[in-house]
Amino acid sequence: MTDLLYEKQGAYLQGKDDERNEVAKAMLAKGLPVEMISRVTKFPESTILKLKTQLEKTTTFT
């Protein structure tokens, strides 16, 4: 039973991270500063910068 609880918690937390990723990407697309996005999403600035790089790559090739 403990494994099932662990899996559910992991899935819940993954969902939260996915949601924060989408929020961060939307904020980046609007041109908001990395520092502000970090404060809002609680992601470290390094994570926001990685998302920014990914976003730039996808918009460059589209």
PDB file of N, CA and C in Angstrom:
ATOM      1  N   MET A   1       0.822  -1.195   0.000  1.00  0.00           N
ATOM      2  CA  MET A   1       0.000   0.000   0.000  1.00  0.00           C
ATOM      3  C   MET A   1       0.870   1.266   0.000  1.00  0.00           C
ATOM      4  N   THR A   2       2.012   1.194   0.629  1.00  0.00           N
ATOM      5  CA  THR A   2       2.898   2.353   0.677  1.00  0.00           C
ATOM      6  C   THR A   2       3.378   2.727  -0.718  1.00  0.00           C
ATOM      7  N   ASP A   3       3.669   1.721  -1.553  1.00  0.00           N
ATOM      8  CA  ASP A   3       4.125   1.999  -2.915  1.00  0.00           C
ATOM      9  C   ASP A   3       3.057   2.734  -3.711  1.00  0.00           C
ATOM     10  N   LEU A   4       1.806   2.350  -3.538  1.00  0.00           N
ATOM     11  CA  LEU A   4       0.702   3.003  -4.241  1.00  0.00           C
ATOM     12  C   LEU A   4       0.597   4.470  -3.815  1.00  0.00           C
ATOM     13  N   LEU A   5       0.715   4.718  -2.524  1.00  0.00           N
ATOM     14  CA  LEU A   5       0.658   6.086  -2.012  1.00  0.00           C
ATOM     15  C   LEU A   5       1.821   6.907  -2.569  1.00  0.00           C
ATOM     16  N   TYR A   6       2.994   6.315  -2.594  1.00  0.00           N
ATOM     17  CA  TYR A   6       4.187   6.994  -3.135  1.00  0.00           C
ATOM     18  C   TYR A   6       3.980   7.341  -4.606  1.00  0.00           C
ATOM     19  N   GLU A   7       3.427   6.412  -5.383  1.00  0.00           N
ATOM     20  CA  GLU A   7       3.181   6.662  -6.800  1.00  0.00           C
ATOM     21  C   GLU A   7       2.161   7.776  -6.995  1.00  0.00           C
ATOM     22  N   LYS A   8       1.108   7.779  -6.190  1.00  0.00           N
ATOM     23  CA  LYS A   8       0.095   8.833  -6.301  1.00  0.00           C
ATOM     24  C   LYS A   8       0.683  10.196  -5.973  1.00  0.00           C
ATOM     25  N   GLN A   9       1.503  10.254  -4.924  1.00  0.00           N
ATOM     26  CA  GLN A   9       2.119  11.522  -4.549  1.00  0.00           C
ATOM     27  C   GLN A   9       3.064  11.992  -5.650  1.00  0.00           C
ATOM     28  N   GLY A  10       3.820  11.068  -6.216  1.00  0.00           N
ATOM     29  CA  GLY A  10       4.738  11.411  -7.297  1.00  0.00           C
ATOM     30  C   GLY A  10       3.998  11.948  -8.501  1.00  0.00           C
ATOM     31  N   ALA A  11       2.887  11.313  -8.854  1.00  0.00           N
ATOM     32  CA  ALA A  11       2.088  11.764  -9.995  1.00  0.00           C
ATOM     33  C   ALA A  11       1.498  13.147  -9.712  1.00  0.00           C
ATOM     34  N   TYR A  12       1.061  13.363  -8.493  1.00  0.00           N
ATOM     35  CA  TYR A  12       0.500  14.661  -8.115  1.00  0.00           C
ATOM     36  C   TYR A  12       1.561  15.753  -8.240  1.00  0.00           C
ATOM     37  N   LEU A  13       2.744  15.475  -7.703  1.00  0.00           N
ATOM     38  CA  LEU A  13       3.820  16.467  -7.767  1.00  0.00           C
ATOM     39  C   LEU A  13       4.269  16.703  -9.198  1.00  0.00           C
ATOM     40  N   GLN A  14       4.293  15.656 -10.015  1.00  0.00           N
ATOM     41  CA  GLN A  14       4.663  15.819 -11.428  1.00  0.00           C
ATOM     42  C   GLN A  14       3.649  16.706 -12.132  1.00  0.00           C
ATOM     43  N   GLY A  15       2.390  16.518 -11.815  1.00  0.00           N
ATOM     44  CA  GLY A  15       1.342  17.358 -12.394  1.00  0.00           C
ATOM     45  C   GLY A  15       1.519  18.816 -12.015  1.00  0.00           C
ATOM     46  N   LYS A  16       1.899  19.063 -10.775  1.00  0.00           N
ATOM     47  CA  LYS A  16       2.141  20.433 -10.318  1.00  0.00           C
ATOM     48  C   LYS A  16       3.318  21.044 -11.072  1.00  0.00           C
ATOM     49  N   ASP A  17       4.391  20.268 -11.257  1.00  0.00           N
ATOM     50  CA  ASP A  17       5.546  20.773 -11.998  1.00  0.00           C
ATOM     51  C   ASP A  17       5.185  21.057 -13.451  1.00  0.00           C
ATOM     52  N   ASP A  18       4.401  20.175 -14.049  1.00  0.00           N
ATOM     53  CA  ASP A  18       3.971  20.403 -15.433  1.00  0.00           C
ATOM     54  C   ASP A  18       3.169  21.695 -15.540  1.00  0.00           C
ATOM     55  N   GLU A  19       2.311  21.909 -14.573  1.00  0.00           N
ATOM     56  CA  GLU A  19       1.485  23.120 -14.546  1.00  0.00           C
ATOM     57  C   GLU A  19       2.368  24.363 -14.394  1.00  0.00           C
ATOM     58  N   ARG A  20       3.354  24.295 -13.492  1.00  0.00           N
ATOM     59  CA  ARG A  20       4.257  25.433 -13.296  1.00  0.00           C
ATOM     60  C   ARG A  20       5.102  25.675 -14.542  1.00  0.00           C
ATOM     61  N   ASN A  21       5.489  24.592 -15.231  1.00  0.00           N
ATOM     62  CA  ASN A  21       6.238  24.739 -16.484  1.00  0.00           C
ATOM     63  C   ASN A  21       5.428  25.541 -17.494  1.00  0.00           C
ATOM     64  N   GLU A  22       4.162  25.212 -17.629  1.00  0.00           N
ATOM     65  CA  GLU A  22       3.297  25.913 -18.586  1.00  0.00           C
ATOM     66  C   GLU A  22       3.134  27.380 -18.206  1.00  0.00           C
ATOM     67  N   VAL A  23       2.990  27.642 -16.918  1.00  0.00           N
ATOM     68  CA  VAL A  23       2.869  29.024 -16.452  1.00  0.00           C
ATOM     69  C   VAL A  23       4.155  29.784 -16.755  1.00  0.00           C
ATOM     70  N   ALA A  24       5.293  29.160 -16.458  1.00  0.00           N
ATOM     71  CA  ALA A  24       6.583  29.804 -16.708  1.00  0.00           C
ATOM     72  C   ALA A  24       6.775  30.080 -18.196  1.00  0.00           C
ATOM     73  N   LYS A  25       6.424  29.130 -19.049  1.00  0.00           N
ATOM     74  CA  LYS A  25       6.554  29.322 -20.494  1.00  0.00           C
ATOM     75  C   LYS A  25       5.672  30.464 -20.977  1.00  0.00           C
ATOM     76  N   ALA A  26       4.466  30.536 -20.458  1.00  0.00           N
ATOM     77  CA  ALA A  26       3.556  31.616 -20.853  1.00  0.00           C
ATOM     78  C   ALA A  26       4.109  32.971 -20.420  1.00  0.00           C
ATOM     79  N   MET A  27       4.679  33.018 -19.224  1.00  0.00           N
ATOM     80  CA  MET A  27       5.252  34.264 -18.737  1.00  0.00           C
ATOM     81  C   MET A  27       6.471  34.664 -19.568  1.00  0.00           C
ATOM     82  N   LEU A  28       7.290  33.672 -19.935  1.00  0.00           N
ATOM     83  CA  LEU A  28       8.447  33.944 -20.794  1.00  0.00           C
ATOM     84  C   LEU A  28       7.999  34.482 -22.152  1.00  0.00           C
ATOM     85  N   ALA A  29       6.946  33.879 -22.689  1.00  0.00           N
ATOM     86  CA  ALA A  29       6.432  34.315 -23.988  1.00  0.00           C
ATOM     87  C   ALA A  29       5.939  35.759 -23.939  1.00  0.00           C
ATOM     88  N   LYS A  30       5.490  36.193 -22.773  1.00  0.00           N
ATOM     89  CA  LYS A  30       5.035  37.583 -22.602  1.00  0.00           C
ATOM     90  C   LYS A  30       6.194  38.535 -22.349  1.00  0.00           C
ATOM     91  N   GLY A  31       7.398  37.965 -22.194  1.00  0.00           N
ATOM     92  CA  GLY A  31       8.572  38.807 -22.001  1.00  0.00           C
ATOM     93  C   GLY A  31       8.837  39.233 -20.567  1.00  0.00           C
ATOM     94  N   LEU A  32       8.236  38.543 -19.608  1.00  0.00           N
ATOM     95  CA  LEU A  32       8.456  38.911 -18.209  1.00  0.00           C
ATOM     96  C   LEU A  32       9.861  38.523 -17.766  1.00  0.00           C
ATOM     97  N   PRO A  33      10.427  39.248 -16.806  1.00  0.00           N
ATOM     98  CA  PRO A  33      11.783  38.963 -16.344  1.00  0.00           C
ATOM     99  C   PRO A  33      11.900  37.598 -15.656  1.00  0.00           C
ATOM    100  N   VAL A  34      13.051  36.967 -15.834  1.00  0.00           N
ATOM    101  CA  VAL A  34      13.310  35.645 -15.257  1.00  0.00           C
ATOM    102  C   VAL A  34      13.147  35.672 -13.735  1.00  0.00           C
ATOM    103  N   GLU A  35      13.617  36.738 -13.112  1.00  0.00           N
ATOM    104  CA  GLU A  35      13.532  36.846 -11.645  1.00  0.00           C
ATOM    105  C   GLU A  35      12.086  36.808 -11.171  1.00  0.00           C
ATOM    106  N   MET A  36      11.207  37.498 -11.884  1.00  0.00           N
ATOM    107  CA  MET A  36       9.795  37.527 -11.517  1.00  0.00           C
ATOM    108  C   MET A  36       9.167  36.139 -11.698  1.00  0.00           C
ATOM    109  N   ILE A  37       9.482  35.497 -12.802  1.00  0.00           N
ATOM    110  CA  ILE A  37       8.935  34.168 -13.075  1.00  0.00           C
ATOM    111  C   ILE A  37       9.386  33.195 -12.000  1.00  0.00           C
ATOM    112  N   SER A  38      10.632  33.313 -11.588  1.00  0.00           N
ATOM    113  CA  SER A  38      11.168  32.459 -10.534  1.00  0.00           C
ATOM    114  C   SER A  38      10.409  32.653  -9.223  1.00  0.00           C
ATOM    115  N   ARG A  39      10.130  33.901  -8.883  1.00  0.00           N
ATOM    116  CA  ARG A  39       9.387  34.177  -7.644  1.00  0.00           C
ATOM    117  C   ARG A  39       7.975  33.611  -7.704  1.00  0.00           C
ATOM    118  N   VAL A  40       7.330  33.742  -8.845  1.00  0.00           N
ATOM    119  CA  VAL A  40       5.944  33.294  -8.976  1.00  0.00           C
ATOM    120  C   VAL A  40       5.838  31.773  -8.995  1.00  0.00           C
ATOM    121  N   THR A  41       6.707  31.125  -9.763  1.00  0.00           N
ATOM    122  CA  THR A  41       6.604  29.668  -9.934  1.00  0.00           C
ATOM    123  C   THR A  41       7.361  28.877  -8.884  1.00  0.00           C
ATOM    124  N   LYS A  42       8.233  29.548  -8.143  1.00  0.00           N
ATOM    125  CA  LYS A  42       9.097  28.904  -7.146  1.00  0.00           C
ATOM    126  C   LYS A  42      10.138  27.992  -7.785  1.00  0.00           C
ATOM    127  N   PHE A  43      10.376  28.146  -9.088  1.00  0.00           N
ATOM    128  CA  PHE A  43      11.453  27.432  -9.768  1.00  0.00           C
ATOM    129  C   PHE A  43      12.735  28.238  -9.583  1.00  0.00           C
ATOM    130  N   PRO A  44      13.886  27.561  -9.511  1.00  0.00           N
ATOM    131  CA  PRO A  44      15.145  28.322  -9.508  1.00  0.00           C
ATOM    132  C   PRO A  44      15.333  29.021 -10.852  1.00  0.00           C
ATOM    133  N   GLU A  45      16.085  30.097 -10.842  1.00  0.00           N
ATOM    134  CA  GLU A  45      16.308  30.846 -12.073  1.00  0.00           C
ATOM    135  C   GLU A  45      16.949  29.984 -13.152  1.00  0.00           C
ATOM    136  N   SER A  46      17.781  29.022 -12.745  1.00  0.00           N
ATOM    137  CA  SER A  46      18.425  28.141 -13.726  1.00  0.00           C
ATOM    138  C   SER A  46      17.389  27.326 -14.499  1.00  0.00           C
ATOM    139  N   THR A  47      16.331  26.907 -13.828  1.00  0.00           N
ATOM    140  CA  THR A  47      15.260  26.155 -14.494  1.00  0.00           C
ATOM    141  C   THR A  47      14.519  27.049 -15.474  1.00  0.00           C
ATOM    142  N   ILE A  48      14.275  28.279 -15.083  1.00  0.00           N
ATOM    143  CA  ILE A  48      13.582  29.227 -15.953  1.00  0.00           C
ATOM    144  C   ILE A  48      14.431  29.495 -17.197  1.00  0.00           C
ATOM    145  N   LEU A  49      15.736  29.634 -17.008  1.00  0.00           N
ATOM    146  CA  LEU A  49      16.622  29.876 -18.148  1.00  0.00           C
ATOM    147  C   LEU A  49      16.635  28.689 -19.110  1.00  0.00           C
ATOM    148  N   LYS A  50      16.564  27.474 -18.571  1.00  0.00           N
ATOM    149  CA  LYS A  50      16.486  26.282 -19.433  1.00  0.00           C
ATOM    150  C   LYS A  50      15.185  26.291 -20.232  1.00  0.00           C
ATOM    151  N   LEU A  51      14.089  26.627 -19.564  1.00  0.00           N
ATOM    152  CA  LEU A  51      12.800  26.712 -20.259  1.00  0.00           C
ATOM    153  C   LEU A  51      12.844  27.786 -21.337  1.00  0.00           C
ATOM    154  N   LYS A  52      13.512  28.896 -21.025  1.00  0.00           N
ATOM    155  CA  LYS A  52      13.627  29.988 -21.995  1.00  0.00           C
ATOM    156  C   LYS A  52      14.387  29.526 -23.229  1.00  0.00           C
ATOM    157  N   THR A  53      15.468  28.781 -23.018  1.00  0.00           N
ATOM    158  CA  THR A  53      16.249  28.246 -24.137  1.00  0.00           C
ATOM    159  C   THR A  53      15.411  27.298 -24.975  1.00  0.00           C
ATOM    160  N   GLN A  54      14.660  26.423 -24.302  1.00  0.00           N
ATOM    161  CA  GLN A  54      13.781  25.483 -25.019  1.00  0.00           C
ATOM    162  C   GLN A  54      12.730  26.235 -25.830  1.00  0.00           C
ATOM    163  N   LEU A  55      12.155  27.254 -25.228  1.00  0.00           N
ATOM    164  CA  LEU A  55      11.126  28.037 -25.893  1.00  0.00           C
ATOM    165  C   LEU A  55      11.698  28.757 -27.119  1.00  0.00           C
ATOM    166  N   GLU A  56      12.893  29.300 -26.977  1.00  0.00           N
ATOM    167  CA  GLU A  56      13.531  29.978 -28.105  1.00  0.00           C
ATOM    168  C   GLU A  56      13.821  29.012 -29.248  1.00  0.00           C
ATOM    169  N   LYS A  57      14.233  27.805 -28.925  1.00  0.00           N
ATOM    170  CA  LYS A  57      14.524  26.796 -29.953  1.00  0.00           C
ATOM    171  C   LYS A  57      13.252  26.402 -30.693  1.00  0.00           C
ATOM    172  N   THR A  58      12.153  26.220 -29.977  1.00  0.00           N
ATOM    173  CA  THR A  58      10.913  25.793 -30.613  1.00  0.00           C
ATOM    174  C   THR A  58      10.303  26.903 -31.457  1.00  0.00           C
ATOM    175  N   THR A  59      10.451  28.148 -31.009  1.00  0.00           N
ATOM    176  CA  THR A  59       9.872  29.246 -31.790  1.00  0.00           C
ATOM    177  C   THR A  59      10.742  29.606 -32.978  1.00  0.00           C
ATOM    178  N   THR A  60      12.022  29.294 -32.899  1.00  0.00           N
ATOM    179  CA  THR A  60      12.931  29.565 -34.015  1.00  0.00           C
ATOM    180  C   THR A  60      12.635  28.638 -35.191  1.00  0.00           C
ATOM    181  N   PHE A  61      12.315  27.383 -34.923  1.00  0.00           N
ATOM    182  CA  PHE A  61      12.110  26.390 -35.957  1.00  0.00           C
ATOM    183  C   PHE A  61      10.690  26.307 -36.451  1.00  0.00           C
ATOM    184  N   THR A  62       9.780  27.033 -35.839  1.00  0.00           N
ATOM    185  CA  THR A  62       8.385  26.938 -36.274  1.00  0.00           C
ATOM    186  C   THR A  62       8.026  27.941 -37.306  1.00  0.00           C
TER     187      THR A  62
END
